[in-house]
């Protein structure tokens, strides 16, 4: 799964944009994020203008699948 696939799946499932960011940003409040980092990918939770790392993965596919698990309540 690529980041583009992930974004399409989230849009198709009707997941609200404010629940996640896929550009490495902080979002508009409390949300989950995913971003490429040196050596792989990082999944984090953003709140109060700070990123709290949750997981790191070597591949985009593994990171996107893990990201979906974090958003599991929002993705049917």
PDB file of N, CA and C in Angstrom:
ATOM      1  N   UNK A   1       0.854  -1.175   0.000  1.00  0.00           N
ATOM      2  CA  UNK A   1       0.000   0.000   0.000  1.00  0.00           C
ATOM      3  C   UNK A   1       0.896   1.233   0.000  1.00  0.00           C
ATOM      4  N   UNK A   2       0.530   2.187  -0.801  1.00  0.00           N
ATOM      5  CA  UNK A   2       1.270   3.449  -0.857  1.00  0.00           C
ATOM      6  C   UNK A   2       0.498   4.523  -0.084  1.00  0.00           C
ATOM      7  N   UNK A   3       1.133   5.639   0.127  1.00  0.00           N
ATOM      8  CA  UNK A   3       0.474   6.754   0.803  1.00  0.00           C
ATOM      9  C   UNK A   3      -0.746   7.217   0.008  1.00  0.00           C
ATOM     10  N   UNK A   4      -0.636   7.219  -1.308  1.00  0.00           N
ATOM     11  CA  UNK A   4      -1.773   7.601  -2.156  1.00  0.00           C
ATOM     12  C   UNK A   4      -2.933   6.608  -1.975  1.00  0.00           C
ATOM     13  N   UNK A   5      -2.613   5.312  -1.889  1.00  0.00           N
ATOM     14  CA  UNK A   5      -3.649   4.299  -1.643  1.00  0.00           C
ATOM     15  C   UNK A   5      -4.318   4.539  -0.286  1.00  0.00           C
ATOM     16  N   UNK A   6      -3.508   4.825   0.715  1.00  0.00           N
ATOM     17  CA  UNK A   6      -4.021   5.091   2.059  1.00  0.00           C
ATOM     18  C   UNK A   6      -4.979   6.280   2.047  1.00  0.00           C
ATOM     19  N   UNK A   7      -4.555   7.367   1.412  1.00  0.00           N
ATOM     20  CA  UNK A   7      -5.401   8.560   1.359  1.00  0.00           C
ATOM     21  C   UNK A   7      -6.727   8.262   0.661  1.00  0.00           C
ATOM     22  N   UNK A   8      -6.681   7.507  -0.433  1.00  0.00           N
ATOM     23  CA  UNK A   8      -7.905   7.153  -1.152  1.00  0.00           C
ATOM     24  C   UNK A   8      -8.813   6.289  -0.280  1.00  0.00           C
ATOM     25  N   UNK A   9      -8.239   5.357   0.412  1.00  0.00           N
ATOM     26  CA  UNK A   9      -9.044   4.491   1.291  1.00  0.00           C
ATOM     27  C   UNK A   9      -9.716   5.297   2.402  1.00  0.00           C
ATOM     28  N   UNK A  10      -8.994   6.228   2.985  1.00  0.00           N
ATOM     29  CA  UNK A  10      -9.566   7.063   4.046  1.00  0.00           C
ATOM     30  C   UNK A  10     -10.694   7.937   3.499  1.00  0.00           C
ATOM     31  N   UNK A  11     -10.470   8.534   2.322  1.00  0.00           N
ATOM     32  CA  UNK A  11     -11.517   9.359   1.696  1.00  0.00           C
ATOM     33  C   UNK A  11     -12.743   8.518   1.373  1.00  0.00           C
ATOM     34  N   UNK A  12     -12.523   7.348   0.783  1.00  0.00           N
ATOM     35  CA  UNK A  12     -13.629   6.459   0.398  1.00  0.00           C
ATOM     36  C   UNK A  12     -14.436   6.003   1.613  1.00  0.00           C
ATOM     37  N   UNK A  13     -13.757   5.835   2.731  1.00  0.00           N
ATOM     38  CA  UNK A  13     -14.429   5.392   3.953  1.00  0.00           C
ATOM     39  C   UNK A  13     -15.123   6.544   4.667  1.00  0.00           C
ATOM     40  N   UNK A  14     -14.903   7.771   4.180  1.00  0.00           N
ATOM     41  CA  UNK A  14     -15.545   8.928   4.787  1.00  0.00           C
ATOM     42  C   UNK A  14     -14.920   9.370   6.100  1.00  0.00           C
ATOM     43  N   UNK A  15     -13.654   9.027   6.295  1.00  0.00           N
ATOM     44  CA  UNK A  15     -12.957   9.437   7.516  1.00  0.00           C
ATOM     45  C   UNK A  15     -12.743  10.949   7.464  1.00  0.00           C
ATOM     46  N   UNK A  16     -13.135  11.628   8.508  1.00  0.00           N
ATOM     47  CA  UNK A  16     -13.017  13.087   8.564  1.00  0.00           C
ATOM     48  C   UNK A  16     -11.555  13.523   8.448  1.00  0.00           C
ATOM     49  N   UNK A  17     -11.328  14.540   7.624  1.00  0.00           N
ATOM     50  CA  UNK A  17      -9.970  15.042   7.388  1.00  0.00           C
ATOM     51  C   UNK A  17      -9.259  15.460   8.666  1.00  0.00           C
ATOM     52  N   UNK A  18      -9.979  15.953   9.646  1.00  0.00           N
ATOM     53  CA  UNK A  18      -9.340  16.464  10.856  1.00  0.00           C
ATOM     54  C   UNK A  18      -8.780  15.342  11.752  1.00  0.00           C
ATOM     55  N   UNK A  19      -9.086  14.083  11.449  1.00  0.00           N
ATOM     56  CA  UNK A  19      -8.604  12.972  12.271  1.00  0.00           C
ATOM     57  C   UNK A  19      -7.193  12.520  11.914  1.00  0.00           C
ATOM     58  N   UNK A  20      -6.674  12.992  10.773  1.00  0.00           N
ATOM     59  CA  UNK A  20      -5.364  12.511  10.336  1.00  0.00           C
ATOM     60  C   UNK A  20      -4.675  13.526   9.426  1.00  0.00           C
ATOM     61  N   UNK A  21      -3.350  13.368   9.334  1.00  0.00           N
ATOM     62  CA  UNK A  21      -2.545  14.117   8.372  1.00  0.00           C
ATOM     63  C   UNK A  21      -1.583  13.137   7.708  1.00  0.00           C
ATOM     64  N   UNK A  22      -1.342  13.349   6.439  1.00  0.00           N
ATOM     65  CA  UNK A  22      -0.431  12.471   5.702  1.00  0.00           C
ATOM     66  C   UNK A  22       0.752  13.232   5.119  1.00  0.00           C
ATOM     67  N   UNK A  23       0.920  14.474   5.552  1.00  0.00           N
ATOM     68  CA  UNK A  23       2.005  15.289   5.011  1.00  0.00           C
ATOM     69  C   UNK A  23       3.082  15.615   6.041  1.00  0.00           C
ATOM     70  N   UNK A  24       3.032  14.926   7.193  1.00  0.00           N
ATOM     71  CA  UNK A  24       4.025  15.187   8.226  1.00  0.00           C
ATOM     72  C   UNK A  24       3.710  16.396   9.076  1.00  0.00           C
ATOM     73  N   UNK A  25       2.550  17.008   8.857  1.00  0.00           N
ATOM     74  CA  UNK A  25       2.177  18.203   9.607  1.00  0.00           C
ATOM     75  C   UNK A  25       1.580  17.877  10.965  1.00  0.00           C
ATOM     76  N   UNK A  26       1.092  18.920  11.612  1.00  0.00           N
ATOM     77  CA  UNK A  26       0.510  18.779  12.946  1.00  0.00           C
ATOM     78  C   UNK A  26      -1.003  18.703  12.918  1.00  0.00           C
ATOM     79  N   UNK A  27      -1.609  18.995  11.783  1.00  0.00           N
ATOM     80  CA  UNK A  27      -3.060  18.962  11.693  1.00  0.00           C
ATOM     81  C   UNK A  27      -3.700  20.144  12.388  1.00  0.00           C
ATOM     82  N   UNK A  28      -5.009  20.071  12.532  1.00  0.00           N
ATOM     83  CA  UNK A  28      -5.745  21.195  13.116  1.00  0.00           C
ATOM     84  C   UNK A  28      -6.083  20.964  14.580  1.00  0.00           C
ATOM     85  N   UNK A  29      -5.551  19.941  15.157  1.00  0.00           N
ATOM     86  CA  UNK A  29      -5.834  19.624  16.556  1.00  0.00           C
ATOM     87  C   UNK A  29      -5.267  18.260  16.867  1.00  0.00           C
ATOM     88  N   UNK A  30      -5.956  17.495  17.666  1.00  0.00           N
ATOM     89  CA  UNK A  30      -5.509  16.151  17.984  1.00  0.00           C
ATOM     90  C   UNK A  30      -5.800  15.231  16.800  1.00  0.00           C
ATOM     91  N   UNK A  31      -4.746  14.588  16.290  1.00  0.00           N
ATOM     92  CA  UNK A  31      -4.916  13.704  15.134  1.00  0.00           C
ATOM     93  C   UNK A  31      -3.725  12.771  15.006  1.00  0.00           C
ATOM     94  N   UNK A  32      -3.879  11.761  14.162  1.00  0.00           N
ATOM     95  CA  UNK A  32      -2.795  10.848  13.836  1.00  0.00           C
ATOM     96  C   UNK A  32      -2.091  11.341  12.585  1.00  0.00           C
ATOM     97  N   UNK A  33      -0.796  11.068  12.497  1.00  0.00           N
ATOM     98  CA  UNK A  33      -0.035  11.481  11.329  1.00  0.00           C
ATOM     99  C   UNK A  33       0.915  10.395  10.866  1.00  0.00           C
ATOM    100  N   UNK A  34       1.308  10.510   9.626  1.00  0.00           N
ATOM    101  CA  UNK A  34       2.273   9.588   9.023  1.00  0.00           C
ATOM    102  C   UNK A  34       3.217  10.419   8.166  1.00  0.00           C
ATOM    103  N   UNK A  35       4.499  10.050   8.185  1.00  0.00           N
ATOM    104  CA  UNK A  35       5.469  10.791   7.386  1.00  0.00           C
ATOM    105  C   UNK A  35       6.705   9.941   7.104  1.00  0.00           C
ATOM    106  N   UNK A  36       7.336  10.197   5.945  1.00  0.00           N
ATOM    107  CA  UNK A  36       8.606   9.530   5.679  1.00  0.00           C
ATOM    108  C   UNK A  36       9.689  10.183   6.534  1.00  0.00           C
ATOM    109  N   UNK A  37      10.573   9.363   7.053  1.00  0.00           N
ATOM    110  CA  UNK A  37      11.716   9.837   7.840  1.00  0.00           C
ATOM    111  C   UNK A  37      12.954   9.101   7.339  1.00  0.00           C
ATOM    112  N   UNK A  38      14.141   9.587   7.663  1.00  0.00           N
ATOM    113  CA  UNK A  38      15.342   8.863   7.235  1.00  0.00           C
ATOM    114  C   UNK A  38      15.283   7.399   7.713  1.00  0.00           C
ATOM    115  N   UNK A  39      15.414   6.493   6.779  1.00  0.00           N
ATOM    116  CA  UNK A  39      15.411   5.074   7.119  1.00  0.00           C
ATOM    117  C   UNK A  39      14.050   4.424   7.176  1.00  0.00           C
ATOM    118  N   UNK A  40      12.979   5.157   6.848  1.00  0.00           N
ATOM    119  CA  UNK A  40      11.664   4.527   6.871  1.00  0.00           C
ATOM    120  C   UNK A  40      10.515   5.496   7.006  1.00  0.00           C
ATOM    121  N   UNK A  41       9.547   5.105   7.836  1.00  0.00           N
ATOM    122  CA  UNK A  41       8.315   5.865   8.013  1.00  0.00           C
ATOM    123  C   UNK A  41       7.967   5.971   9.481  1.00  0.00           C
ATOM    124  N   UNK A  42       7.356   7.069   9.867  1.00  0.00           N
ATOM    125  CA  UNK A  42       6.954   7.292  11.250  1.00  0.00           C
ATOM    126  C   UNK A  42       5.451   7.531  11.331  1.00  0.00           C
ATOM    127  N   UNK A  43       4.841   6.947  12.357  1.00  0.00           N
ATOM    128  CA  UNK A  43       3.441   7.197  12.684  1.00  0.00           C
ATOM    129  C   UNK A  43       3.461   7.896  14.037  1.00  0.00           C
ATOM    130  N   UNK A  44       2.690   8.955  14.150  1.00  0.00           N
ATOM    131  CA  UNK A  44       2.707   9.743  15.379  1.00  0.00           C
ATOM    132  C   UNK A  44       1.315  10.238  15.718  1.00  0.00           C
ATOM    133  N   UNK A  45       1.180  10.708  16.952  1.00  0.00           N
ATOM    134  CA  UNK A  45      -0.048  11.362  17.374  1.00  0.00           C
ATOM    135  C   UNK A  45       0.303  12.816  17.618  1.00  0.00           C
ATOM    136  N   UNK A  46      -0.493  13.705  17.069  1.00  0.00           N
ATOM    137  CA  UNK A  46      -0.244  15.127  17.197  1.00  0.00           C
ATOM    138  C   UNK A  46      -1.268  15.746  18.152  1.00  0.00           C
ATOM    139  N   UNK A  47      -0.772  16.455  19.141  1.00  0.00           N
ATOM    140  CA  UNK A  47      -1.658  17.228  20.006  1.00  0.00           C
ATOM    141  C   UNK A  47      -0.864  18.380  20.607  1.00  0.00           C
ATOM    142  N   UNK A  48      -1.535  19.474  20.790  1.00  0.00           N
ATOM    143  CA  UNK A  48      -0.923  20.671  21.372  1.00  0.00           C
ATOM    144  C   UNK A  48       0.355  21.088  20.656  1.00  0.00           C
ATOM    145  N   UNK A  49       0.356  20.934  19.333  1.00  0.00           N
ATOM    146  CA  UNK A  49       1.495  21.375  18.536  1.00  0.00           C
ATOM    147  C   UNK A  49       2.727  20.509  18.651  1.00  0.00           C
ATOM    148  N   UNK A  50       2.572  19.276  19.125  1.00  0.00           N
ATOM    149  CA  UNK A  50       3.713  18.375  19.280  1.00  0.00           C
ATOM    150  C   UNK A  50       3.398  17.011  18.698  1.00  0.00           C
ATOM    151  N   UNK A  51       4.433  16.361  18.193  1.00  0.00           N
ATOM    152  CA  UNK A  51       4.303  15.005  17.671  1.00  0.00           C
ATOM    153  C   UNK A  51       4.791  14.017  18.725  1.00  0.00           C
ATOM    154  N   UNK A  52       3.971  13.032  19.011  1.00  0.00           N
ATOM    155  CA  UNK A  52       4.367  11.944  19.900  1.00  0.00           C
ATOM    156  C   UNK A  52       4.505  10.682  19.044  1.00  0.00           C
ATOM    157  N   UNK A  53       5.729  10.203  18.856  1.00  0.00           N
ATOM    158  CA  UNK A  53       5.927   9.023  18.010  1.00  0.00           C
ATOM    159  C   UNK A  53       5.196   7.804  18.580  1.00  0.00           C
ATOM    160  N   UNK A  54       4.559   7.052  17.690  1.00  0.00           N
ATOM    161  CA  UNK A  54       3.855   5.837  18.085  1.00  0.00           C
ATOM    162  C   UNK A  54       4.564   4.597  17.557  1.00  0.00           C
ATOM    163  N   UNK A  55       4.948   4.631  16.289  1.00  0.00           N
ATOM    164  CA  UNK A  55       5.594   3.484  15.646  1.00  0.00           C
ATOM    165  C   UNK A  55       6.503   3.979  14.541  1.00  0.00           C
ATOM    166  N   UNK A  56       7.473   3.139  14.202  1.00  0.00           N
ATOM    167  CA  UNK A  56       8.277   3.393  13.000  1.00  0.00           C
ATOM    168  C   UNK A  56       8.328   2.100  12.200  1.00  0.00           C
ATOM    169  N   UNK A  57       8.408   2.256  10.889  1.00  0.00           N
ATOM    170  CA  UNK A  57       8.418   1.111   9.977  1.00  0.00           C
ATOM    171  C   UNK A  57       9.425   1.350   8.877  1.00  0.00           C
ATOM    172  N   UNK A  58       9.990   0.261   8.384  1.00  0.00           N
ATOM    173  CA  UNK A  58      11.002   0.357   7.336  1.00  0.00           C
ATOM    174  C   UNK A  58      10.391   0.623   5.970  1.00  0.00           C
ATOM    175  N   UNK A  59       9.128   0.181   5.774  1.00  0.00           N
ATOM    176  CA  UNK A  59       8.532   0.326   4.453  1.00  0.00           C
ATOM    177  C   UNK A  59       7.252   1.164   4.499  1.00  0.00           C
ATOM    178  N   UNK A  60       6.952   1.767   3.371  1.00  0.00           N
ATOM    179  CA  UNK A  60       5.725   2.556   3.228  1.00  0.00           C
ATOM    180  C   UNK A  60       4.499   1.665   3.429  1.00  0.00           C
ATOM    181  N   UNK A  61       4.532   0.475   2.869  1.00  0.00           N
ATOM    182  CA  UNK A  61       3.406  -0.450   2.990  1.00  0.00           C
ATOM    183  C   UNK A  61       3.111  -0.775   4.454  1.00  0.00           C
ATOM    184  N   UNK A  62       4.128  -1.153   5.207  1.00  0.00           N
ATOM    185  CA  UNK A  62       3.936  -1.501   6.616  1.00  0.00           C
ATOM    186  C   UNK A  62       3.425  -0.303   7.412  1.00  0.00           C
ATOM    187  N   UNK A  63       3.955   0.878   7.119  1.00  0.00           N
ATOM    188  CA  UNK A  63       3.526   2.088   7.836  1.00  0.00           C
ATOM    189  C   UNK A  63       2.068   2.415   7.514  1.00  0.00           C
ATOM    190  N   UNK A  64       1.670   2.317   6.270  1.00  0.00           N
ATOM    191  CA  UNK A  64       0.284   2.620   5.888  1.00  0.00           C
ATOM    192  C   UNK A  64      -0.684   1.636   6.539  1.00  0.00           C
ATOM    193  N   UNK A  65      -0.326   0.377   6.592  1.00  0.00           N
ATOM    194  CA  UNK A  65      -1.193  -0.624   7.224  1.00  0.00           C
ATOM    195  C   UNK A  65      -1.304  -0.384   8.728  1.00  0.00           C
ATOM    196  N   UNK A  66      -0.203  -0.019   9.359  1.00  0.00           N
ATOM    197  CA  UNK A  66      -0.225   0.293  10.784  1.00  0.00           C
ATOM    198  C   UNK A  66      -1.057   1.554  11.043  1.00  0.00           C
ATOM    199  N   UNK A  67      -0.935   2.516  10.146  1.00  0.00           N
ATOM    200  CA  UNK A  67      -1.706   3.759  10.287  1.00  0.00           C
ATOM    201  C   UNK A  67      -3.204   3.453  10.272  1.00  0.00           C
ATOM    202  N   UNK A  68      -3.607   2.566   9.382  1.00  0.00           N
ATOM    203  CA  UNK A  68      -5.016   2.163   9.333  1.00  0.00           C
ATOM    204  C   UNK A  68      -5.452   1.519  10.651  1.00  0.00           C
ATOM    205  N   UNK A  69      -4.580   0.737  11.251  1.00  0.00           N
ATOM    206  CA  UNK A  69      -4.924   0.133  12.545  1.00  0.00           C
ATOM    207  C   UNK A  69      -5.130   1.202  13.605  1.00  0.00           C
ATOM    208  N   UNK A  70      -4.322   2.257  13.597  1.00  0.00           N
ATOM    209  CA  UNK A  70      -4.490   3.336  14.570  1.00  0.00           C
ATOM    210  C   UNK A  70      -5.816   4.063  14.363  1.00  0.00           C
ATOM    211  N   UNK A  71      -6.243   4.155  13.120  1.00  0.00           N
ATOM    212  CA  UNK A  71      -7.520   4.808  12.807  1.00  0.00           C
ATOM    213  C   UNK A  71      -8.653   3.799  12.730  1.00  0.00           C
ATOM    214  N   UNK A  72      -8.453   2.621  13.251  1.00  0.00           N
ATOM    215  CA  UNK A  72      -9.397   1.516  13.138  1.00  0.00           C
ATOM    216  C   UNK A  72     -10.832   1.837  13.483  1.00  0.00           C
ATOM    217  N   UNK A  73     -11.074   2.668  14.453  1.00  0.00           N
ATOM    218  CA  UNK A  73     -12.443   3.028  14.816  1.00  0.00           C
ATOM    219  C   UNK A  73     -13.097   3.867  13.733  1.00  0.00           C
ATOM    220  N   UNK A  74     -12.283   4.561  12.956  1.00  0.00           N
ATOM    221  CA  UNK A  74     -12.842   5.481  11.946  1.00  0.00           C
ATOM    222  C   UNK A  74     -12.953   4.857  10.551  1.00  0.00           C
ATOM    223  N   UNK A  75     -12.242   3.751  10.324  1.00  0.00           N
ATOM    224  CA  UNK A  75     -12.226   3.135   8.991  1.00  0.00           C
ATOM    225  C   UNK A  75     -13.012   1.830   9.033  1.00  0.00           C
ATOM    226  N   UNK A  76     -14.124   1.751   8.284  1.00  0.00           N
ATOM    227  CA  UNK A  76     -14.903   0.510   8.270  1.00  0.00           C
ATOM    228  C   UNK A  76     -14.156  -0.640   7.612  1.00  0.00           C
TER     229      UNK A  76
END
